[in-house]
């Protein structure tokens, strides 16, 4: 929190405009993390490794600003701004690895399957009020009062298959293929609180949904003596 006061003086030394400002801000961030690892050996040639993880984040923040310009005898103008937001996100993944070793030395195959999910949901508010005081004791006010909701989703699954083959005691080959499938979706809508039931404000709202897929592979030669 902070307070600000400015005093301006005229060229004749008389008191001029006085500016007063008060700022307040609050922020609360809560994180929870969970990581696990489980291994299962079926036999001497086959095994599984499961490494799930989960992160939960909750963020609440608010800021306020109040200020005024005034002369020693009257107020010229004042402002009052309030902002608030609340966001909750989940990040989860559940990779599982299967490994198989053949009886021939240096020959192995592994399958790594890694699904993931990320969600972010939140809402925010914006209130702004500006008052301009006239000499005739009248006042002109300009008010902005908006709120918005947002939802984001990311779903992905990554698959990798790797095969290794020993050519002899010093040379080996590795062949790998990776495929990734992902989807990203976002929906943000901003409304004018003064117009209940009105559609979202188009310039401050957006929606998209995209999908992305790719497959690649490679061959690696290794020499080790």
C-alpha atoms as a PDB file:
ATOM      1  CA  UNK A   1       0.000   0.000   0.000  1.00  0.00           C
ATOM      2  CA  UNK A   2       1.171   3.555  -0.652  1.00  0.00           C
ATOM      3  CA  UNK A   3       0.033   7.137  -0.252  1.00  0.00           C
ATOM      4  CA  UNK A   4       1.147  10.045  -2.412  1.00  0.00           C
ATOM      5  CA  UNK A   5       0.705  13.790  -1.964  1.00  0.00           C
ATOM      6  CA  UNK A   6       1.943  16.472  -4.345  1.00  0.00           C
ATOM      7  CA  UNK A   7       1.744  20.206  -3.713  1.00  0.00           C
ATOM      8  CA  UNK A   8       2.108  22.653  -6.599  1.00  0.00           C
ATOM      9  CA  UNK A   9       2.749  26.383  -6.182  1.00  0.00           C
ATOM     10  CA  UNK A  10       2.075  29.322  -8.460  1.00  0.00           C
ATOM     11  CA  UNK A  11       4.755  31.744  -9.629  1.00  0.00           C
ATOM     12  CA  UNK A  12       3.520  34.238  -7.022  1.00  0.00           C
ATOM     13  CA  UNK A  13       4.109  31.744  -4.240  1.00  0.00           C
ATOM     14  CA  UNK A  14       0.455  31.003  -3.586  1.00  0.00           C
ATOM     15  CA  UNK A  15      -0.849  27.485  -3.075  1.00  0.00           C
ATOM     16  CA  UNK A  16      -1.684  25.742  -6.312  1.00  0.00           C
ATOM     17  CA  UNK A  17      -3.151  22.324  -7.104  1.00  0.00           C
ATOM     18  CA  UNK A  18      -2.877  19.572  -4.517  1.00  0.00           C
ATOM     19  CA  UNK A  19      -2.855  15.953  -5.704  1.00  0.00           C
ATOM     20  CA  UNK A  20      -3.622  13.114  -3.281  1.00  0.00           C
ATOM     21  CA  UNK A  21      -3.414   9.433  -4.200  1.00  0.00           C
ATOM     22  CA  UNK A  22      -3.895   6.168  -2.328  1.00  0.00           C
ATOM     23  CA  UNK A  23      -2.880   2.766  -3.718  1.00  0.00           C
ATOM     24  CA  UNK A  24      -3.755  -0.596  -2.257  1.00  0.00           C
ATOM     25  CA  UNK A  25      -2.955  -4.045  -3.613  1.00  0.00           C
ATOM     26  CA  UNK A  26      -3.469  -7.584  -2.406  1.00  0.00           C
ATOM     27  CA  UNK A  27      -2.257 -10.833  -3.882  1.00  0.00           C
ATOM     28  CA  UNK A  28      -2.756 -14.412  -2.737  1.00  0.00           C
ATOM     29  CA  UNK A  29      -1.101 -17.256  -4.581  1.00  0.00           C
ATOM     30  CA  UNK A  30      -1.613 -20.868  -3.474  1.00  0.00           C
ATOM     31  CA  UNK A  31       0.239 -23.767  -5.110  1.00  0.00           C
ATOM     32  CA  UNK A  32      -0.171 -27.495  -4.593  1.00  0.00           C
ATOM     33  CA  UNK A  33       2.138 -30.021  -6.252  1.00  0.00           C
ATOM     34  CA  UNK A  34       1.994 -33.791  -6.337  1.00  0.00           C
ATOM     35  CA  UNK A  35       4.637 -35.985  -7.982  1.00  0.00           C
ATOM     36  CA  UNK A  36       4.746 -39.756  -8.017  1.00  0.00           C
ATOM     37  CA  UNK A  37       6.868 -42.545  -9.391  1.00  0.00           C
ATOM     38  CA  UNK A  38       5.939 -46.201  -9.558  1.00  0.00           C
ATOM     39  CA  UNK A  39       8.032 -48.958 -11.076  1.00  0.00           C
ATOM     40  CA  UNK A  40       6.895 -52.493 -11.853  1.00  0.00           C
ATOM     41  CA  UNK A  41       9.234 -55.154 -13.120  1.00  0.00           C
ATOM     42  CA  UNK A  42       7.274 -57.928 -14.782  1.00  0.00           C
ATOM     43  CA  UNK A  43      10.328 -60.131 -15.334  1.00  0.00           C
ATOM     44  CA  UNK A  44      13.949 -59.753 -16.328  1.00  0.00           C
ATOM     45  CA  UNK A  45      12.998 -58.464 -19.791  1.00  0.00           C
ATOM     46  CA  UNK A  46       9.881 -56.331 -19.210  1.00  0.00           C
ATOM     47  CA  UNK A  47       9.212 -53.345 -16.948  1.00  0.00           C
ATOM     48  CA  UNK A  48       6.848 -50.378 -16.491  1.00  0.00           C
ATOM     49  CA  UNK A  49       7.545 -46.896 -15.045  1.00  0.00           C
ATOM     50  CA  UNK A  50       4.630 -44.597 -14.171  1.00  0.00           C
ATOM     51  CA  UNK A  51       5.394 -40.962 -13.179  1.00  0.00           C
ATOM     52  CA  UNK A  52       2.174 -38.973 -12.629  1.00  0.00           C
ATOM     53  CA  UNK A  53       2.247 -35.320 -11.590  1.00  0.00           C
ATOM     54  CA  UNK A  54      -0.354 -32.719 -10.694  1.00  0.00           C
ATOM     55  CA  UNK A  55      -0.108 -28.980 -10.028  1.00  0.00           C
ATOM     56  CA  UNK A  56      -2.969 -26.810  -8.767  1.00  0.00           C
ATOM     57  CA  UNK A  57      -2.603 -23.039  -8.664  1.00  0.00           C
ATOM     58  CA  UNK A  58      -5.110 -20.569  -7.236  1.00  0.00           C
ATOM     59  CA  UNK A  59      -4.413 -16.844  -7.576  1.00  0.00           C
ATOM     60  CA  UNK A  60      -6.555 -14.028  -6.163  1.00  0.00           C
ATOM     61  CA  UNK A  61      -5.511 -10.415  -6.612  1.00  0.00           C
ATOM     62  CA  UNK A  62      -7.036  -6.971  -6.245  1.00  0.00           C
ATOM     63  CA  UNK A  63      -5.818  -3.409  -6.690  1.00  0.00           C
ATOM     64  CA  UNK A  64      -7.396  -0.059  -5.954  1.00  0.00           C
ATOM     65  CA  UNK A  65      -6.408   3.509  -6.695  1.00  0.00           C
ATOM     66  CA  UNK A  66      -8.133   6.642  -5.428  1.00  0.00           C
ATOM     67  CA  UNK A  67      -6.918  10.117  -6.311  1.00  0.00           C
ATOM     68  CA  UNK A  68      -8.037  13.706  -6.498  1.00  0.00           C
ATOM     69  CA  UNK A  69      -6.841  17.093  -7.751  1.00  0.00           C
ATOM     70  CA  UNK A  70      -8.004  20.024  -5.692  1.00  0.00           C
ATOM     71  CA  UNK A  71      -7.434  23.655  -4.952  1.00  0.00           C
ATOM     72  CA  UNK A  72      -7.374  24.987  -1.426  1.00  0.00           C
ATOM     73  CA  UNK A  73     -11.052  25.951  -1.833  1.00  0.00           C
ATOM     74  CA  UNK A  74     -12.559  23.125  -3.925  1.00  0.00           C
ATOM     75  CA  UNK A  75     -12.022  19.744  -5.641  1.00  0.00           C
ATOM     76  CA  UNK A  76     -11.261  19.806  -9.371  1.00  0.00           C
ATOM     77  CA  UNK A  77     -11.563  16.135 -10.241  1.00  0.00           C
ATOM     78  CA  UNK A  78     -11.349  12.701  -8.642  1.00  0.00           C
ATOM     79  CA  UNK A  79     -10.841   9.129  -9.784  1.00  0.00           C
ATOM     80  CA  UNK A  80     -11.494   5.710  -8.312  1.00  0.00           C
ATOM     81  CA  UNK A  81     -10.173   2.535  -9.971  1.00  0.00           C
ATOM     82  CA  UNK A  82     -10.786  -1.027  -8.745  1.00  0.00           C
ATOM     83  CA  UNK A  83      -9.428  -4.193 -10.349  1.00  0.00           C
ATOM     84  CA  UNK A  84      -9.867  -7.780  -9.225  1.00  0.00           C
ATOM     85  CA  UNK A  85      -9.118 -11.235 -10.582  1.00  0.00           C
ATOM     86  CA  UNK A  86      -9.467 -14.867  -9.550  1.00  0.00           C
ATOM     87  CA  UNK A  87      -7.725 -17.593 -11.553  1.00  0.00           C
ATOM     88  CA  UNK A  88      -7.612 -21.337 -10.976  1.00  0.00           C
ATOM     89  CA  UNK A  89      -5.457 -23.692 -13.031  1.00  0.00           C
ATOM     90  CA  UNK A  90      -4.790 -27.433 -13.137  1.00  0.00           C
ATOM     91  CA  UNK A  91      -1.795 -29.056 -14.787  1.00  0.00           C
ATOM     92  CA  UNK A  92      -1.805 -32.848 -14.893  1.00  0.00           C
ATOM     93  CA  UNK A  93       0.285 -35.436 -16.716  1.00  0.00           C
ATOM     94  CA  UNK A  94       0.529 -39.218 -16.520  1.00  0.00           C
ATOM     95  CA  UNK A  95       3.562 -40.498 -18.462  1.00  0.00           C
ATOM     96  CA  UNK A  96       3.986 -44.271 -18.631  1.00  0.00           C
ATOM     97  CA  UNK A  97       7.038 -46.015 -20.004  1.00  0.00           C
ATOM     98  CA  UNK A  98       7.180 -49.658 -21.106  1.00  0.00           C
ATOM     99  CA  UNK A  99      10.576 -51.227 -21.737  1.00  0.00           C
ATOM    100  CA  UNK A 100      11.281 -54.623 -23.272  1.00  0.00           C
ATOM    101  CA  UNK A 101      14.690 -56.179 -23.591  1.00  0.00           C
ATOM    102  CA  UNK A 102      15.370 -59.027 -26.004  1.00  0.00           C
ATOM    103  CA  UNK A 103      17.630 -61.924 -25.239  1.00  0.00           C
ATOM    104  CA  UNK A 104      20.062 -60.682 -27.855  1.00  0.00           C
ATOM    105  CA  UNK A 105      22.559 -58.240 -26.336  1.00  0.00           C
ATOM    106  CA  UNK A 106      21.842 -54.586 -27.194  1.00  0.00           C
ATOM    107  CA  UNK A 107      18.383 -55.144 -28.688  1.00  0.00           C
ATOM    108  CA  UNK A 108      15.630 -53.235 -26.853  1.00  0.00           C
ATOM    109  CA  UNK A 109      12.315 -51.549 -27.575  1.00  0.00           C
ATOM    110  CA  UNK A 110      10.478 -48.997 -25.463  1.00  0.00           C
ATOM    111  CA  UNK A 111       7.131 -47.236 -25.637  1.00  0.00           C
ATOM    112  CA  UNK A 112       6.608 -43.923 -23.884  1.00  0.00           C
ATOM    113  CA  UNK A 113       3.013 -42.665 -23.667  1.00  0.00           C
ATOM    114  CA  UNK A 114       2.549 -39.221 -22.117  1.00  0.00           C
ATOM    115  CA  UNK A 115      -0.953 -37.687 -21.882  1.00  0.00           C
ATOM    116  CA  UNK A 116      -1.333 -34.210 -20.353  1.00  0.00           C
ATOM    117  CA  UNK A 117      -4.135 -31.820 -19.450  1.00  0.00           C
ATOM    118  CA  UNK A 118      -3.963 -28.102 -18.598  1.00  0.00           C
ATOM    119  CA  UNK A 119      -7.007 -26.017 -17.666  1.00  0.00           C
ATOM    120  CA  UNK A 120      -7.164 -22.360 -16.659  1.00  0.00           C
ATOM    121  CA  UNK A 121     -10.415 -20.755 -15.565  1.00  0.00           C
ATOM    122  CA  UNK A 122     -10.756 -17.239 -14.250  1.00  0.00           C
ATOM    123  CA  UNK A 123     -12.772 -14.093 -13.923  1.00  0.00           C
ATOM    124  CA  UNK A 124     -11.876 -10.451 -13.530  1.00  0.00           C
ATOM    125  CA  UNK A 125     -13.603  -7.173 -12.754  1.00  0.00           C
ATOM    126  CA  UNK A 126     -12.812  -3.597 -13.720  1.00  0.00           C
ATOM    127  CA  UNK A 127     -14.436  -0.525 -12.203  1.00  0.00           C
ATOM    128  CA  UNK A 128     -13.327   2.996 -13.048  1.00  0.00           C
ATOM    129  CA  UNK A 129     -15.056   6.226 -12.030  1.00  0.00           C
ATOM    130  CA  UNK A 130     -13.899   9.728 -12.988  1.00  0.00           C
ATOM    131  CA  UNK A 131     -15.629  12.839 -11.651  1.00  0.00           C
ATOM    132  CA  UNK A 132     -15.047  16.374 -12.955  1.00  0.00           C
ATOM    133  CA  UNK A 133     -16.361  19.141 -10.698  1.00  0.00           C
ATOM    134  CA  UNK A 134     -17.565  22.353 -12.304  1.00  0.00           C
ATOM    135  CA  UNK A 135     -17.456  25.877 -10.912  1.00  0.00           C
ATOM    136  CA  UNK A 136     -21.248  25.932 -10.712  1.00  0.00           C
ATOM    137  CA  UNK A 137     -21.234  23.012  -8.253  1.00  0.00           C
ATOM    138  CA  UNK A 138     -22.176  20.566 -11.024  1.00  0.00           C
ATOM    139  CA  UNK A 139     -20.313  17.369 -11.712  1.00  0.00           C
ATOM    140  CA  UNK A 140     -19.638  15.308 -14.835  1.00  0.00           C
ATOM    141  CA  UNK A 141     -19.046  11.609 -14.237  1.00  0.00           C
ATOM    142  CA  UNK A 142     -17.608   8.928 -16.479  1.00  0.00           C
ATOM    143  CA  UNK A 143     -17.949   5.337 -15.263  1.00  0.00           C
ATOM    144  CA  UNK A 144     -16.642   2.045 -16.640  1.00  0.00           C
ATOM    145  CA  UNK A 145     -17.854  -1.196 -15.074  1.00  0.00           C
ATOM    146  CA  UNK A 146     -16.855  -4.464 -16.745  1.00  0.00           C
ATOM    147  CA  UNK A 147     -16.380  -8.101 -15.869  1.00  0.00           C
ATOM    148  CA  UNK A 148     -14.945 -10.978 -17.865  1.00  0.00           C
ATOM    149  CA  UNK A 149     -14.837 -14.771 -17.769  1.00  0.00           C
ATOM    150  CA  UNK A 150     -12.121 -16.864 -19.379  1.00  0.00           C
ATOM    151  CA  UNK A 151     -11.602 -20.580 -19.955  1.00  0.00           C
ATOM    152  CA  UNK A 152      -8.524 -22.194 -21.475  1.00  0.00           C
ATOM    153  CA  UNK A 153      -7.908 -25.844 -22.256  1.00  0.00           C
ATOM    154  CA  UNK A 154      -4.858 -27.692 -23.518  1.00  0.00           C
ATOM    155  CA  UNK A 155      -4.983 -31.439 -24.092  1.00  0.00           C
ATOM    156  CA  UNK A 156      -2.049 -33.352 -25.535  1.00  0.00           C
ATOM    157  CA  UNK A 157      -0.800 -36.881 -25.928  1.00  0.00           C
ATOM    158  CA  UNK A 158       2.755 -37.659 -26.931  1.00  0.00           C
ATOM    159  CA  UNK A 159       3.792 -41.132 -28.074  1.00  0.00           C
ATOM    160  CA  UNK A 160       7.362 -42.264 -28.630  1.00  0.00           C
ATOM    161  CA  UNK A 161       8.661 -45.643 -29.769  1.00  0.00           C
ATOM    162  CA  UNK A 162      12.407 -46.319 -29.650  1.00  0.00           C
ATOM    163  CA  UNK A 163      14.206 -49.425 -30.939  1.00  0.00           C
ATOM    164  CA  UNK A 164      17.900 -50.108 -30.390  1.00  0.00           C
ATOM    165  CA  UNK A 165      20.076 -52.715 -32.071  1.00  0.00           C
ATOM    166  CA  UNK A 166      23.678 -53.519 -31.285  1.00  0.00           C
ATOM    167  CA  UNK A 167      25.659 -54.195 -34.483  1.00  0.00           C
ATOM    168  CA  UNK A 168      28.695 -55.443 -32.595  1.00  0.00           C
ATOM    169  CA  UNK A 169      30.568 -54.632 -29.415  1.00  0.00           C
ATOM    170  CA  UNK A 170      31.303 -51.046 -30.490  1.00  0.00           C
ATOM    171  CA  UNK A 171      28.532 -50.031 -32.925  1.00  0.00           C
ATOM    172  CA  UNK A 172      24.799 -49.638 -32.405  1.00  0.00           C
ATOM    173  CA  UNK A 173      21.755 -48.130 -34.100  1.00  0.00           C
ATOM    174  CA  UNK A 174      18.729 -46.432 -32.605  1.00  0.00           C
ATOM    175  CA  UNK A 175      15.459 -45.825 -34.460  1.00  0.00           C
ATOM    176  CA  UNK A 176      12.793 -43.628 -32.910  1.00  0.00           C
ATOM    177  CA  UNK A 177       9.357 -42.389 -33.970  1.00  0.00           C
ATOM    178  CA  UNK A 178       7.420 -39.661 -32.145  1.00  0.00           C
ATOM    179  CA  UNK A 179       3.831 -38.602 -32.635  1.00  0.00           C
ATOM    180  CA  UNK A 180       2.159 -35.650 -30.911  1.00  0.00           C
ATOM    181  CA  UNK A 181      -1.528 -34.726 -30.914  1.00  0.00           C
ATOM    182  CA  UNK A 182      -2.650 -31.570 -29.131  1.00  0.00           C
ATOM    183  CA  UNK A 183      -5.659 -29.324 -28.852  1.00  0.00           C
ATOM    184  CA  UNK A 184      -5.804 -25.721 -27.604  1.00  0.00           C
ATOM    185  CA  UNK A 185      -9.073 -23.966 -26.868  1.00  0.00           C
ATOM    186  CA  UNK A 186      -9.761 -20.553 -25.350  1.00  0.00           C
ATOM    187  CA  UNK A 187     -12.949 -18.652 -24.621  1.00  0.00           C
ATOM    188  CA  UNK A 188     -12.799 -15.151 -23.129  1.00  0.00           C
ATOM    189  CA  UNK A 189     -15.903 -12.979 -22.844  1.00  0.00           C
ATOM    190  CA  UNK A 190     -16.085  -9.457 -21.477  1.00  0.00           C
ATOM    191  CA  UNK A 191     -19.384  -7.862 -20.479  1.00  0.00           C
ATOM    192  CA  UNK A 192     -20.583  -4.419 -19.540  1.00  0.00           C
ATOM    193  CA  UNK A 193     -22.020  -4.698 -16.046  1.00  0.00           C
ATOM    194  CA  UNK A 194     -24.344  -1.775 -16.728  1.00  0.00           C
ATOM    195  CA  UNK A 195     -26.032  -3.613 -19.607  1.00  0.00           C
ATOM    196  CA  UNK A 196     -27.423  -6.759 -18.015  1.00  0.00           C
ATOM    197  CA  UNK A 197     -28.325  -9.416 -20.553  1.00  0.00           C
ATOM    198  CA  UNK A 198     -26.328  -7.741 -23.317  1.00  0.00           C
ATOM    199  CA  UNK A 199     -23.997  -9.795 -25.535  1.00  0.00           C
ATOM    200  CA  UNK A 200     -20.241  -9.766 -24.867  1.00  0.00           C
ATOM    201  CA  UNK A 201     -18.165  -6.794 -25.964  1.00  0.00           C
ATOM    202  CA  UNK A 202     -16.758  -8.046 -29.273  1.00  0.00           C
ATOM    203  CA  UNK A 203     -13.525  -6.001 -29.205  1.00  0.00           C
ATOM    204  CA  UNK A 204     -12.649  -7.375 -25.744  1.00  0.00           C
ATOM    205  CA  UNK A 205     -13.749 -10.991 -26.334  1.00  0.00           C
ATOM    206  CA  UNK A 206     -12.182 -13.840 -28.259  1.00  0.00           C
ATOM    207  CA  UNK A 207     -12.708 -17.543 -28.901  1.00  0.00           C
ATOM    208  CA  UNK A 208     -10.539 -20.069 -30.691  1.00  0.00           C
ATOM    209  CA  UNK A 209     -10.083 -23.819 -30.942  1.00  0.00           C
ATOM    210  CA  UNK A 210      -7.065 -25.312 -32.692  1.00  0.00           C
ATOM    211  CA  UNK A 211      -5.613 -28.788 -33.196  1.00  0.00           C
ATOM    212  CA  UNK A 212      -2.031 -29.660 -33.997  1.00  0.00           C
ATOM    213  CA  UNK A 213      -0.606 -33.036 -34.986  1.00  0.00           C
ATOM    214  CA  UNK A 214       2.849 -34.048 -36.101  1.00  0.00           C
ATOM    215  CA  UNK A 215       4.959 -37.170 -36.534  1.00  0.00           C
ATOM    216  CA  UNK A 216       8.706 -37.361 -36.838  1.00  0.00           C
ATOM    217  CA  UNK A 217      11.382 -40.003 -36.695  1.00  0.00           C
ATOM    218  CA  UNK A 218      15.095 -40.446 -36.760  1.00  0.00           C
ATOM    219  CA  UNK A 219      17.971 -42.860 -36.895  1.00  0.00           C
ATOM    220  CA  UNK A 220      21.006 -42.526 -34.665  1.00  0.00           C
ATOM    221  CA  UNK A 221      24.287 -44.326 -35.147  1.00  0.00           C
ATOM    222  CA  UNK A 222      26.568 -44.679 -32.131  1.00  0.00           C
ATOM    223  CA  UNK A 223      30.142 -45.823 -31.884  1.00  0.00           C
ATOM    224  CA  UNK A 224      31.619 -46.441 -28.445  1.00  0.00           C
ATOM    225  CA  UNK A 225      34.922 -48.081 -27.770  1.00  0.00           C
END
